[in-house]
Amino acid sequence: MSDNYRNIGRLVAVHGLQGELVLLHRLGRKTSLKGLKTLFLEERRDEMLPWFIQSTRVKSDDEIFVKLEGLDTKEAARRVVQKEVWLAESDFEHFAGKSAPISMVGFRLFDAGRDLGEILEVIEQPHQVLCRIDLGGKEALIPVHEQTLRKVDARKREVHVELPDGLLEIYQ
């Protein structure tokens, strides 16, 4: 994951014959990305290529129809389906909902007052959110759901949790 970009979702399908794509996003609010000129696709790991947006329109609360420059047929658009979609950091701040779990990236994670580290990635699952952190040099996935979450302080950029006994020991 790059420091200058934020992952917002993935291209999941081609729509129609003119190369329009369906973007499944985790921005936490209904949006058409109006005014956004460029999005980035991860062609290879940590290699972002810019794609210019011709048009966008809302499909549902978490899906957007996107038409990208240079993809004018169904066949051409197919080559980018399943690619991860990223926004520049400044664009992400503009389009992401403040309460969206994805907005917690960059926050500090605390367990009972102990600073566990910076949230590097948020993985949304049906019944919980997993926050990926670096815990003593090892990748750790910390569950955040109604039983563990105590407080989110957006002003201080902190997430406070109370984790079950023994959970952190598996990463040591």
N, C-alpha and C. Protein backbone atom coordinates (compact mmCIF):
# COMPACT_ATOMS: atom_id res chain seq x y z
N MET A 1 0.84 -1.18 0.00
CA MET A 1 0.00 0.00 0.00
C MET A 1 0.89 1.24 0.00
N SER A 2 0.56 2.19 -0.82
CA SER A 2 1.35 3.40 -0.93
C SER A 2 0.85 4.47 0.02
N ASP A 3 1.76 5.35 0.45
CA ASP A 3 1.39 6.43 1.35
C ASP A 3 0.60 7.52 0.64
N ASN A 4 0.72 7.63 -0.67
CA ASN A 4 0.07 8.70 -1.41
C ASN A 4 -1.30 8.32 -1.95
N TYR A 5 -1.68 7.06 -1.82
CA TYR A 5 -2.94 6.58 -2.39
C TYR A 5 -3.73 5.83 -1.33
N ARG A 6 -5.07 5.81 -1.52
CA ARG A 6 -5.93 5.06 -0.61
C ARG A 6 -6.82 4.14 -1.45
N ASN A 7 -6.86 2.89 -1.09
CA ASN A 7 -7.68 1.90 -1.78
C ASN A 7 -9.14 2.15 -1.44
N ILE A 8 -9.99 2.23 -2.46
CA ILE A 8 -11.42 2.47 -2.20
C ILE A 8 -12.30 1.32 -2.66
N GLY A 9 -11.75 0.34 -3.37
CA GLY A 9 -12.57 -0.77 -3.84
C GLY A 9 -11.97 -1.43 -5.05
N ARG A 10 -12.87 -1.99 -5.88
CA ARG A 10 -12.38 -2.71 -7.06
C ARG A 10 -13.41 -2.61 -8.18
N LEU A 11 -12.91 -2.75 -9.40
CA LEU A 11 -13.78 -2.80 -10.58
C LEU A 11 -14.31 -4.23 -10.66
N VAL A 12 -15.62 -4.39 -10.62
CA VAL A 12 -16.18 -5.74 -10.51
C VAL A 12 -16.84 -6.26 -11.78
N ALA A 13 -17.17 -5.37 -12.72
CA ALA A 13 -17.87 -5.85 -13.92
C ALA A 13 -17.82 -4.80 -15.02
N VAL A 14 -18.07 -5.27 -16.25
CA VAL A 14 -18.28 -4.38 -17.39
C VAL A 14 -19.78 -4.21 -17.53
N HIS A 15 -20.20 -2.98 -17.86
CA HIS A 15 -21.63 -2.70 -18.06
C HIS A 15 -21.82 -2.17 -19.47
N GLY A 16 -22.63 -2.84 -20.23
CA GLY A 16 -22.93 -2.39 -21.59
C GLY A 16 -21.82 -2.73 -22.57
N LEU A 17 -21.95 -2.14 -23.77
CA LEU A 17 -21.03 -2.46 -24.86
C LEU A 17 -19.97 -1.39 -25.09
N GLN A 18 -20.09 -0.24 -24.41
CA GLN A 18 -19.18 0.88 -24.65
C GLN A 18 -18.01 0.96 -23.67
N GLY A 19 -17.80 -0.09 -22.86
CA GLY A 19 -16.65 -0.11 -21.96
C GLY A 19 -16.88 0.50 -20.60
N GLU A 20 -18.13 0.76 -20.26
CA GLU A 20 -18.43 1.29 -18.92
C GLU A 20 -18.20 0.18 -17.88
N LEU A 21 -17.67 0.55 -16.71
CA LEU A 21 -17.34 -0.40 -15.67
C LEU A 21 -18.17 -0.15 -14.41
N VAL A 22 -18.28 -1.17 -13.57
CA VAL A 22 -18.93 -1.03 -12.27
C VAL A 22 -17.84 -1.04 -11.21
N LEU A 23 -17.78 0.06 -10.43
CA LEU A 23 -16.84 0.19 -9.33
C LEU A 23 -17.58 -0.07 -8.02
N LEU A 24 -17.16 -1.12 -7.32
CA LEU A 24 -17.70 -1.43 -6.00
C LEU A 24 -16.77 -0.75 -4.99
N HIS A 25 -17.30 0.26 -4.27
CA HIS A 25 -16.45 1.06 -3.39
C HIS A 25 -16.83 0.91 -1.92
N ARG A 26 -15.89 1.36 -1.04
CA ARG A 26 -16.10 1.32 0.41
C ARG A 26 -15.99 2.73 0.98
N LEU A 27 -16.51 3.71 0.28
CA LEU A 27 -16.39 5.09 0.72
C LEU A 27 -17.38 5.45 1.84
N GLY A 28 -18.34 4.58 2.10
CA GLY A 28 -19.24 4.80 3.21
C GLY A 28 -20.38 5.76 2.95
N ARG A 29 -20.52 6.18 1.72
CA ARG A 29 -21.65 7.04 1.36
C ARG A 29 -21.89 6.97 -0.14
N LYS A 30 -23.10 7.28 -0.53
CA LYS A 30 -23.48 7.29 -1.93
C LYS A 30 -22.79 8.46 -2.61
N THR A 31 -22.11 8.19 -3.70
CA THR A 31 -21.38 9.24 -4.42
C THR A 31 -21.26 8.88 -5.88
N SER A 32 -21.11 9.90 -6.71
CA SER A 32 -20.84 9.67 -8.13
C SER A 32 -19.39 10.03 -8.46
N LEU A 33 -18.63 10.44 -7.43
CA LEU A 33 -17.25 10.91 -7.61
C LEU A 33 -17.21 12.13 -8.53
N LYS A 34 -18.27 12.95 -8.49
CA LYS A 34 -18.36 14.13 -9.34
C LYS A 34 -17.17 15.04 -9.11
N GLY A 35 -16.55 15.45 -10.20
CA GLY A 35 -15.40 16.34 -10.14
C GLY A 35 -14.06 15.61 -10.11
N LEU A 36 -14.08 14.31 -9.87
CA LEU A 36 -12.83 13.54 -9.86
C LEU A 36 -12.36 13.35 -11.30
N LYS A 37 -11.10 13.66 -11.55
CA LYS A 37 -10.56 13.57 -12.90
C LYS A 37 -9.80 12.27 -13.14
N THR A 38 -9.14 11.75 -12.09
CA THR A 38 -8.25 10.60 -12.24
C THR A 38 -8.45 9.62 -11.12
N LEU A 39 -8.45 8.33 -11.46
CA LEU A 39 -8.34 7.30 -10.45
C LEU A 39 -7.16 6.42 -10.84
N PHE A 40 -6.71 5.62 -9.90
CA PHE A 40 -5.51 4.83 -10.13
C PHE A 40 -5.84 3.35 -10.00
N LEU A 41 -5.29 2.55 -10.91
CA LEU A 41 -5.45 1.11 -10.86
C LEU A 41 -4.10 0.50 -10.54
N GLU A 42 -4.13 -0.52 -9.70
CA GLU A 42 -2.90 -1.21 -9.33
C GLU A 42 -2.63 -2.28 -10.37
N GLU A 43 -1.75 -1.95 -11.32
CA GLU A 43 -1.43 -2.89 -12.39
C GLU A 43 -0.61 -4.07 -11.84
N ARG A 44 0.40 -3.75 -11.06
CA ARG A 44 1.20 -4.75 -10.34
C ARG A 44 1.31 -4.25 -8.91
N ARG A 45 1.73 -5.11 -8.01
CA ARG A 45 1.81 -4.71 -6.60
C ARG A 45 2.60 -3.40 -6.44
N ASP A 46 1.96 -2.43 -5.80
CA ASP A 46 2.55 -1.11 -5.52
C ASP A 46 2.92 -0.32 -6.78
N GLU A 47 2.29 -0.63 -7.90
CA GLU A 47 2.51 0.14 -9.13
C GLU A 47 1.17 0.71 -9.58
N MET A 48 0.97 1.99 -9.33
CA MET A 48 -0.28 2.66 -9.64
C MET A 48 -0.21 3.35 -11.00
N LEU A 49 -1.19 3.07 -11.85
CA LEU A 49 -1.27 3.75 -13.13
C LEU A 49 -2.51 4.63 -13.15
N PRO A 50 -2.35 5.89 -13.58
CA PRO A 50 -3.50 6.79 -13.62
C PRO A 50 -4.41 6.49 -14.81
N TRP A 51 -5.71 6.59 -14.57
CA TRP A 51 -6.72 6.46 -15.61
C TRP A 51 -7.61 7.69 -15.52
N PHE A 52 -7.87 8.31 -16.67
CA PHE A 52 -8.69 9.51 -16.69
C PHE A 52 -10.16 9.14 -16.84
N ILE A 53 -10.97 9.80 -16.08
CA ILE A 53 -12.41 9.51 -16.03
C ILE A 53 -13.13 10.34 -17.08
N GLN A 54 -13.93 9.66 -17.91
CA GLN A 54 -14.77 10.36 -18.88
C GLN A 54 -16.11 10.73 -18.25
N SER A 55 -16.68 9.77 -17.50
CA SER A 55 -17.96 10.04 -16.86
C SER A 55 -18.18 9.06 -15.71
N THR A 56 -19.06 9.45 -14.80
CA THR A 56 -19.46 8.57 -13.70
C THR A 56 -20.94 8.81 -13.42
N ARG A 57 -21.57 7.80 -12.83
CA ARG A 57 -22.95 7.96 -12.37
C ARG A 57 -23.21 6.92 -11.30
N VAL A 58 -24.09 7.26 -10.39
CA VAL A 58 -24.41 6.39 -9.26
C VAL A 58 -25.20 5.19 -9.74
N LYS A 59 -24.82 4.02 -9.26
CA LYS A 59 -25.59 2.80 -9.51
C LYS A 59 -26.36 2.43 -8.24
N SER A 60 -25.68 2.46 -7.08
CA SER A 60 -26.32 2.16 -5.79
C SER A 60 -25.49 2.83 -4.70
N ASP A 61 -25.80 2.56 -3.44
CA ASP A 61 -25.07 3.18 -2.33
C ASP A 61 -23.58 2.87 -2.37
N ASP A 62 -23.21 1.69 -2.88
CA ASP A 62 -21.79 1.33 -2.87
C ASP A 62 -21.26 0.93 -4.26
N GLU A 63 -21.97 1.34 -5.31
CA GLU A 63 -21.51 1.06 -6.67
C GLU A 63 -21.67 2.30 -7.55
N ILE A 64 -20.70 2.45 -8.46
CA ILE A 64 -20.69 3.57 -9.39
C ILE A 64 -20.39 3.03 -10.78
N PHE A 65 -21.11 3.54 -11.79
CA PHE A 65 -20.74 3.27 -13.17
C PHE A 65 -19.62 4.25 -13.53
N VAL A 66 -18.52 3.74 -14.08
CA VAL A 66 -17.37 4.57 -14.42
C VAL A 66 -16.98 4.30 -15.86
N LYS A 67 -16.78 5.38 -16.61
CA LYS A 67 -16.29 5.29 -17.99
C LYS A 67 -14.89 5.89 -18.01
N LEU A 68 -13.89 5.06 -18.36
CA LEU A 68 -12.51 5.50 -18.38
C LEU A 68 -12.02 5.74 -19.81
N GLU A 69 -11.17 6.75 -19.97
CA GLU A 69 -10.60 7.05 -21.29
C GLU A 69 -9.83 5.86 -21.82
N GLY A 70 -10.01 5.57 -23.10
CA GLY A 70 -9.26 4.50 -23.75
C GLY A 70 -9.92 3.13 -23.67
N LEU A 71 -10.98 3.02 -22.89
CA LEU A 71 -11.72 1.74 -22.81
C LEU A 71 -13.09 1.96 -23.44
N ASP A 72 -13.15 1.74 -24.75
CA ASP A 72 -14.37 2.07 -25.49
C ASP A 72 -15.17 0.86 -25.93
N THR A 73 -14.71 -0.34 -25.59
CA THR A 73 -15.46 -1.54 -25.92
C THR A 73 -15.54 -2.44 -24.69
N LYS A 74 -16.49 -3.33 -24.73
CA LYS A 74 -16.65 -4.31 -23.65
C LYS A 74 -15.36 -5.12 -23.47
N GLU A 75 -14.77 -5.51 -24.59
CA GLU A 75 -13.56 -6.34 -24.56
C GLU A 75 -12.38 -5.58 -23.95
N ALA A 76 -12.22 -4.32 -24.30
CA ALA A 76 -11.12 -3.52 -23.75
C ALA A 76 -11.30 -3.33 -22.24
N ALA A 77 -12.53 -3.09 -21.82
CA ALA A 77 -12.80 -2.87 -20.40
C ALA A 77 -12.58 -4.13 -19.56
N ARG A 78 -12.79 -5.29 -20.16
CA ARG A 78 -12.62 -6.55 -19.41
C ARG A 78 -11.23 -6.71 -18.81
N ARG A 79 -10.22 -6.13 -19.45
CA ARG A 79 -8.85 -6.31 -18.96
C ARG A 79 -8.58 -5.61 -17.63
N VAL A 80 -9.45 -4.69 -17.21
CA VAL A 80 -9.24 -4.03 -15.92
C VAL A 80 -10.22 -4.50 -14.85
N VAL A 81 -11.14 -5.41 -15.21
CA VAL A 81 -12.07 -5.94 -14.21
C VAL A 81 -11.28 -6.72 -13.16
N GLN A 82 -11.67 -6.56 -11.93
CA GLN A 82 -11.04 -7.15 -10.73
C GLN A 82 -9.77 -6.39 -10.30
N LYS A 83 -9.47 -5.28 -10.94
CA LYS A 83 -8.34 -4.46 -10.50
C LYS A 83 -8.76 -3.62 -9.29
N GLU A 84 -7.82 -3.46 -8.35
CA GLU A 84 -8.04 -2.59 -7.19
C GLU A 84 -8.03 -1.14 -7.66
N VAL A 85 -8.90 -0.33 -7.06
CA VAL A 85 -9.01 1.09 -7.43
C VAL A 85 -8.52 1.94 -6.27
N TRP A 86 -7.71 2.93 -6.58
CA TRP A 86 -7.11 3.79 -5.58
C TRP A 86 -7.38 5.25 -5.94
N LEU A 87 -7.46 6.09 -4.93
CA LEU A 87 -7.55 7.53 -5.12
C LEU A 87 -6.32 8.18 -4.51
N ALA A 88 -5.95 9.34 -5.04
CA ALA A 88 -4.91 10.13 -4.40
C ALA A 88 -5.43 10.50 -3.01
N GLU A 89 -4.53 10.62 -2.04
CA GLU A 89 -4.90 10.90 -0.65
C GLU A 89 -5.83 12.11 -0.53
N SER A 90 -5.54 13.19 -1.25
CA SER A 90 -6.36 14.40 -1.16
C SER A 90 -7.77 14.16 -1.70
N ASP A 91 -7.90 13.37 -2.76
CA ASP A 91 -9.22 13.05 -3.31
C ASP A 91 -9.99 12.14 -2.35
N PHE A 92 -9.29 11.21 -1.73
CA PHE A 92 -9.94 10.30 -0.78
C PHE A 92 -10.60 11.09 0.34
N GLU A 93 -9.89 12.06 0.90
CA GLU A 93 -10.43 12.86 2.01
C GLU A 93 -11.72 13.56 1.59
N HIS A 94 -11.80 13.97 0.34
CA HIS A 94 -12.98 14.68 -0.16
C HIS A 94 -14.19 13.75 -0.35
N PHE A 95 -13.96 12.53 -0.80
CA PHE A 95 -15.07 11.65 -1.16
C PHE A 95 -15.49 10.64 -0.10
N ALA A 96 -14.62 10.30 0.84
CA ALA A 96 -14.95 9.28 1.84
C ALA A 96 -15.87 9.83 2.91
N GLY A 97 -16.83 9.01 3.33
CA GLY A 97 -17.70 9.37 4.43
C GLY A 97 -16.90 9.37 5.73
N LYS A 98 -17.18 10.32 6.61
CA LYS A 98 -16.41 10.44 7.86
C LYS A 98 -16.57 9.21 8.75
N SER A 99 -17.70 8.52 8.69
CA SER A 99 -17.93 7.37 9.56
C SER A 99 -17.62 6.04 8.86
N ALA A 100 -17.13 6.10 7.63
CA ALA A 100 -16.79 4.87 6.91
C ALA A 100 -15.59 4.21 7.57
N PRO A 101 -15.63 2.89 7.76
CA PRO A 101 -14.48 2.20 8.35
C PRO A 101 -13.17 2.50 7.63
N ILE A 102 -13.21 2.64 6.32
CA ILE A 102 -12.01 2.90 5.53
C ILE A 102 -11.34 4.21 5.95
N SER A 103 -12.09 5.12 6.57
CA SER A 103 -11.54 6.39 7.02
C SER A 103 -10.63 6.24 8.23
N MET A 104 -10.62 5.06 8.87
CA MET A 104 -9.77 4.84 10.04
C MET A 104 -8.30 4.57 9.67
N VAL A 105 -8.00 4.38 8.40
CA VAL A 105 -6.61 4.17 8.00
C VAL A 105 -5.81 5.41 8.40
N GLY A 106 -4.69 5.18 9.07
CA GLY A 106 -3.86 6.28 9.54
C GLY A 106 -4.11 6.64 10.99
N PHE A 107 -5.22 6.17 11.57
CA PHE A 107 -5.50 6.40 12.98
C PHE A 107 -4.57 5.53 13.83
N ARG A 108 -4.37 5.89 15.09
CA ARG A 108 -3.63 5.06 16.05
C ARG A 108 -4.64 4.13 16.71
N LEU A 109 -4.25 2.87 16.93
CA LEU A 109 -5.10 1.88 17.58
C LEU A 109 -4.62 1.65 19.00
N PHE A 110 -5.54 1.77 19.96
CA PHE A 110 -5.22 1.60 21.38
C PHE A 110 -6.04 0.47 21.97
N ASP A 111 -5.38 -0.39 22.77
CA ASP A 111 -6.06 -1.44 23.54
C ASP A 111 -5.84 -1.14 25.01
N ALA A 112 -6.92 -0.81 25.71
CA ALA A 112 -6.85 -0.49 27.15
C ALA A 112 -5.74 0.53 27.43
N GLY A 113 -5.64 1.55 26.61
CA GLY A 113 -4.66 2.62 26.80
C GLY A 113 -3.30 2.37 26.19
N ARG A 114 -3.01 1.15 25.75
CA ARG A 114 -1.72 0.81 25.14
C ARG A 114 -1.77 1.09 23.64
N ASP A 115 -0.82 1.88 23.15
CA ASP A 115 -0.74 2.22 21.73
C ASP A 115 -0.20 1.01 20.97
N LEU A 116 -1.05 0.42 20.13
CA LEU A 116 -0.65 -0.75 19.36
C LEU A 116 0.00 -0.39 18.03
N GLY A 117 -0.24 0.83 17.56
CA GLY A 117 0.36 1.26 16.30
C GLY A 117 -0.66 1.89 15.37
N GLU A 118 -0.18 2.24 14.20
CA GLU A 118 -1.01 2.89 13.18
C GLU A 118 -1.81 1.85 12.41
N ILE A 119 -3.07 2.17 12.11
CA ILE A 119 -3.90 1.31 11.28
C ILE A 119 -3.44 1.48 9.83
N LEU A 120 -2.92 0.40 9.25
CA LEU A 120 -2.35 0.44 7.90
C LEU A 120 -3.38 0.11 6.83
N GLU A 121 -4.37 -0.69 7.20
CA GLU A 121 -5.40 -1.12 6.24
C GLU A 121 -6.64 -1.51 7.01
N VAL A 122 -7.80 -1.30 6.42
CA VAL A 122 -9.06 -1.72 7.00
C VAL A 122 -9.70 -2.73 6.06
N ILE A 123 -10.00 -3.91 6.61
CA ILE A 123 -10.61 -4.98 5.82
C ILE A 123 -12.03 -5.17 6.34
N GLU A 124 -13.00 -4.86 5.51
CA GLU A 124 -14.40 -4.96 5.93
C GLU A 124 -14.93 -6.36 5.65
N GLN A 125 -15.56 -6.93 6.68
CA GLN A 125 -16.21 -8.23 6.58
C GLN A 125 -17.66 -8.06 7.03
N PRO A 126 -18.52 -9.05 6.78
CA PRO A 126 -19.94 -8.87 7.10
C PRO A 126 -20.24 -8.51 8.57
N HIS A 127 -19.54 -9.11 9.53
CA HIS A 127 -19.89 -8.87 10.93
C HIS A 127 -18.83 -8.14 11.72
N GLN A 128 -17.73 -7.78 11.07
CA GLN A 128 -16.67 -7.06 11.77
C GLN A 128 -15.76 -6.38 10.77
N VAL A 129 -14.92 -5.53 11.31
CA VAL A 129 -13.88 -4.87 10.54
C VAL A 129 -12.56 -5.35 11.12
N LEU A 130 -11.60 -5.67 10.26
CA LEU A 130 -10.26 -6.03 10.72
C LEU A 130 -9.32 -4.88 10.40
N CYS A 131 -8.55 -4.46 11.40
CA CYS A 131 -7.56 -3.41 11.21
C CYS A 131 -6.19 -4.06 11.17
N ARG A 132 -5.49 -3.84 10.06
CA ARG A 132 -4.14 -4.39 9.92
C ARG A 132 -3.15 -3.38 10.49
N ILE A 133 -2.32 -3.87 11.43
CA ILE A 133 -1.29 -3.04 12.03
C ILE A 133 0.03 -3.79 12.01
N ASP A 134 1.11 -3.09 12.27
CA ASP A 134 2.42 -3.70 12.43
C ASP A 134 2.66 -3.77 13.94
N LEU A 135 2.65 -4.97 14.50
CA LEU A 135 2.80 -5.17 15.93
C LEU A 135 4.14 -5.84 16.18
N GLY A 136 5.11 -5.06 16.60
CA GLY A 136 6.44 -5.60 16.87
C GLY A 136 7.10 -6.23 15.66
N GLY A 137 6.88 -5.66 14.48
CA GLY A 137 7.49 -6.18 13.27
C GLY A 137 6.69 -7.27 12.57
N LYS A 138 5.55 -7.65 13.16
CA LYS A 138 4.69 -8.66 12.54
C LYS A 138 3.34 -8.05 12.18
N GLU A 139 2.79 -8.52 11.06
CA GLU A 139 1.46 -8.08 10.66
C GLU A 139 0.43 -8.68 11.61
N ALA A 140 -0.45 -7.83 12.16
CA ALA A 140 -1.52 -8.29 13.05
C ALA A 140 -2.85 -7.78 12.53
N LEU A 141 -3.85 -8.65 12.58
CA LEU A 141 -5.22 -8.28 12.20
C LEU A 141 -6.05 -8.19 13.48
N ILE A 142 -6.51 -6.99 13.78
CA ILE A 142 -7.23 -6.72 15.02
C ILE A 142 -8.72 -6.55 14.70
N PRO A 143 -9.58 -7.39 15.30
CA PRO A 143 -11.02 -7.28 15.03
C PRO A 143 -11.63 -6.07 15.73
N VAL A 144 -12.45 -5.35 14.99
CA VAL A 144 -13.18 -4.23 15.55
C VAL A 144 -14.66 -4.46 15.26
N HIS A 145 -15.42 -4.70 16.32
CA HIS A 145 -16.87 -4.89 16.20
C HIS A 145 -17.52 -4.41 17.48
N GLU A 146 -18.81 -4.61 17.64
CA GLU A 146 -19.51 -4.02 18.79
C GLU A 146 -19.00 -4.50 20.14
N GLN A 147 -18.43 -5.70 20.23
CA GLN A 147 -17.91 -6.18 21.51
C GLN A 147 -16.53 -5.59 21.83
N THR A 148 -15.73 -5.23 20.83
CA THR A 148 -14.37 -4.76 21.11
C THR A 148 -14.22 -3.24 21.01
N LEU A 149 -15.01 -2.58 20.20
CA LEU A 149 -14.86 -1.14 20.00
C LEU A 149 -15.37 -0.35 21.20
N ARG A 150 -14.53 0.53 21.70
CA ARG A 150 -14.91 1.38 22.83
C ARG A 150 -15.15 2.81 22.39
N LYS A 151 -14.26 3.34 21.51
CA LYS A 151 -14.41 4.74 21.12
C LYS A 151 -13.59 5.02 19.87
N VAL A 152 -14.11 5.89 19.02
CA VAL A 152 -13.35 6.42 17.89
C VAL A 152 -13.29 7.94 18.08
N ASP A 153 -12.09 8.46 18.21
CA ASP A 153 -11.88 9.89 18.38
C ASP A 153 -11.30 10.44 17.08
N ALA A 154 -12.18 10.96 16.23
CA ALA A 154 -11.74 11.44 14.91
C ALA A 154 -10.82 12.64 15.03
N ARG A 155 -11.05 13.49 16.03
CA ARG A 155 -10.22 14.67 16.21
C ARG A 155 -8.76 14.28 16.52
N LYS A 156 -8.58 13.33 17.42
CA LYS A 156 -7.24 12.86 17.79
C LYS A 156 -6.73 11.75 16.86
N ARG A 157 -7.60 11.27 15.98
CA ARG A 157 -7.29 10.18 15.04
C ARG A 157 -6.89 8.92 15.81
N GLU A 158 -7.76 8.53 16.76
CA GLU A 158 -7.53 7.37 17.60
C GLU A 158 -8.74 6.43 17.60
N VAL A 159 -8.45 5.12 17.63
CA VAL A 159 -9.48 4.10 17.79
C VAL A 159 -9.13 3.33 19.06
N HIS A 160 -10.08 3.27 19.98
CA HIS A 160 -9.86 2.57 21.25
C HIS A 160 -10.69 1.29 21.26
N VAL A 161 -10.02 0.18 21.57
CA VAL A 161 -10.67 -1.13 21.64
C VAL A 161 -10.34 -1.80 22.96
N GLU A 162 -11.12 -2.81 23.31
CA GLU A 162 -10.82 -3.68 24.43
C GLU A 162 -10.82 -5.10 23.89
N LEU A 163 -9.62 -5.64 23.71
CA LEU A 163 -9.45 -6.94 23.06
C LEU A 163 -9.54 -8.08 24.05
N PRO A 164 -9.99 -9.24 23.58
CA PRO A 164 -10.03 -10.41 24.46
C PRO A 164 -8.65 -10.81 24.95
N ASP A 165 -8.57 -11.34 26.16
CA ASP A 165 -7.29 -11.79 26.71
C ASP A 165 -6.65 -12.81 25.77
N GLY A 166 -5.36 -12.66 25.54
CA GLY A 166 -4.62 -13.62 24.74
C GLY A 166 -4.56 -13.33 23.26
N LEU A 167 -5.39 -12.41 22.76
CA LEU A 167 -5.41 -12.15 21.33
C LEU A 167 -4.06 -11.61 20.82
N LEU A 168 -3.49 -10.68 21.51
CA LEU A 168 -2.22 -10.09 21.05
C LEU A 168 -1.06 -11.06 21.20
N GLU A 169 -1.15 -12.01 22.11
CA GLU A 169 -0.06 -12.95 22.35
C GLU A 169 0.20 -13.85 21.14
N ILE A 170 -0.80 -14.09 20.30
CA ILE A 170 -0.58 -14.94 19.13
C ILE A 170 0.36 -14.28 18.12
N TYR A 171 0.56 -12.96 18.24
CA TYR A 171 1.45 -12.25 17.32
C TYR A 171 2.85 -12.06 17.90
N GLN A 172 3.12 -12.64 19.07
CA GLN A 172 4.45 -12.46 19.70
C GLN A 172 5.27 -13.70 19.62
